[in-house]
Amino acid sequence: MKGKVNNDQHILNVIHKAFDKGQQGNMDTNTMIHWLKQELQSGYTIDTNQKAL
């Protein structure tokens, strides 16, 4: 259950960062989608590496 909470928190943090960047005008839609994919995939990779340890 704790892993699910951490994962959900990570997703919410990434979405919040994307929203902030969008509000600052630093991203168009395509750039934001690409950035979100990278951030979420890197978070997934970090999470699975920690589980393997």
Protein backbone atom coordinates (compact mmCIF):
# COMPACT_ATOMS: atom_id res chain seq x y z
CA MET A 1 0.00 0.00 0.00
CA LYS A 2 2.84 2.40 0.82
CA GLY A 3 4.30 1.99 -2.68
CA LYS A 4 0.96 3.01 -4.15
CA VAL A 5 0.87 6.15 -2.01
CA ASN A 6 4.44 7.06 -3.01
CA ASN A 7 3.63 6.46 -6.67
CA ASP A 8 0.46 8.54 -6.46
CA GLN A 9 2.36 11.32 -4.70
CA HIS A 10 5.04 11.26 -7.39
CA ILE A 11 2.41 11.53 -10.13
CA LEU A 12 0.71 14.44 -8.37
CA ASN A 13 4.06 16.22 -7.93
CA VAL A 14 4.89 15.79 -11.63
CA ILE A 15 1.48 17.09 -12.67
CA HIS A 16 1.88 20.05 -10.35
CA LYS A 17 5.30 20.88 -11.84
CA ALA A 18 3.85 20.63 -15.34
CA PHE A 19 0.98 22.93 -14.39
CA ASP A 20 3.42 25.47 -12.94
CA LYS A 21 5.58 25.37 -16.07
CA GLY A 22 2.49 25.77 -18.23
CA GLN A 23 1.36 28.78 -16.22
CA GLN A 24 4.76 30.40 -16.72
CA GLY A 25 4.34 29.96 -20.47
CA ASN A 26 7.42 27.73 -20.78
CA MET A 27 5.62 24.85 -22.50
CA ASP A 28 3.30 24.25 -25.39
CA THR A 29 1.08 21.16 -25.34
CA ASN A 30 3.45 18.85 -27.21
CA THR A 31 6.42 19.88 -25.09
CA MET A 32 4.40 19.33 -21.92
CA ILE A 33 3.29 15.85 -22.98
CA HIS A 34 6.87 14.89 -23.83
CA TRP A 35 8.12 16.29 -20.51
CA LEU A 36 5.39 14.47 -18.56
CA LYS A 37 6.27 11.16 -20.22
CA GLN A 38 9.93 11.57 -19.35
CA GLU A 39 9.25 12.56 -15.75
CA LEU A 40 6.78 9.75 -15.14
CA GLN A 41 9.02 7.14 -16.78
CA SER A 42 12.04 8.27 -14.78
CA GLY A 43 9.99 8.06 -11.58
CA TYR A 44 8.89 4.55 -12.52
CA THR A 45 12.49 3.53 -13.21
CA ILE A 46 13.65 4.92 -9.86
CA ASP A 47 10.78 3.15 -8.07
CA THR A 48 11.50 -0.24 -9.63
CA ASN A 49 15.24 0.11 -8.91
CA GLN A 50 14.49 0.83 -5.26
CA LYS A 51 12.22 -2.22 -5.05
CA ALA A 52 14.97 -4.40 -6.54
CA LEU A 53 17.37 -3.31 -3.81
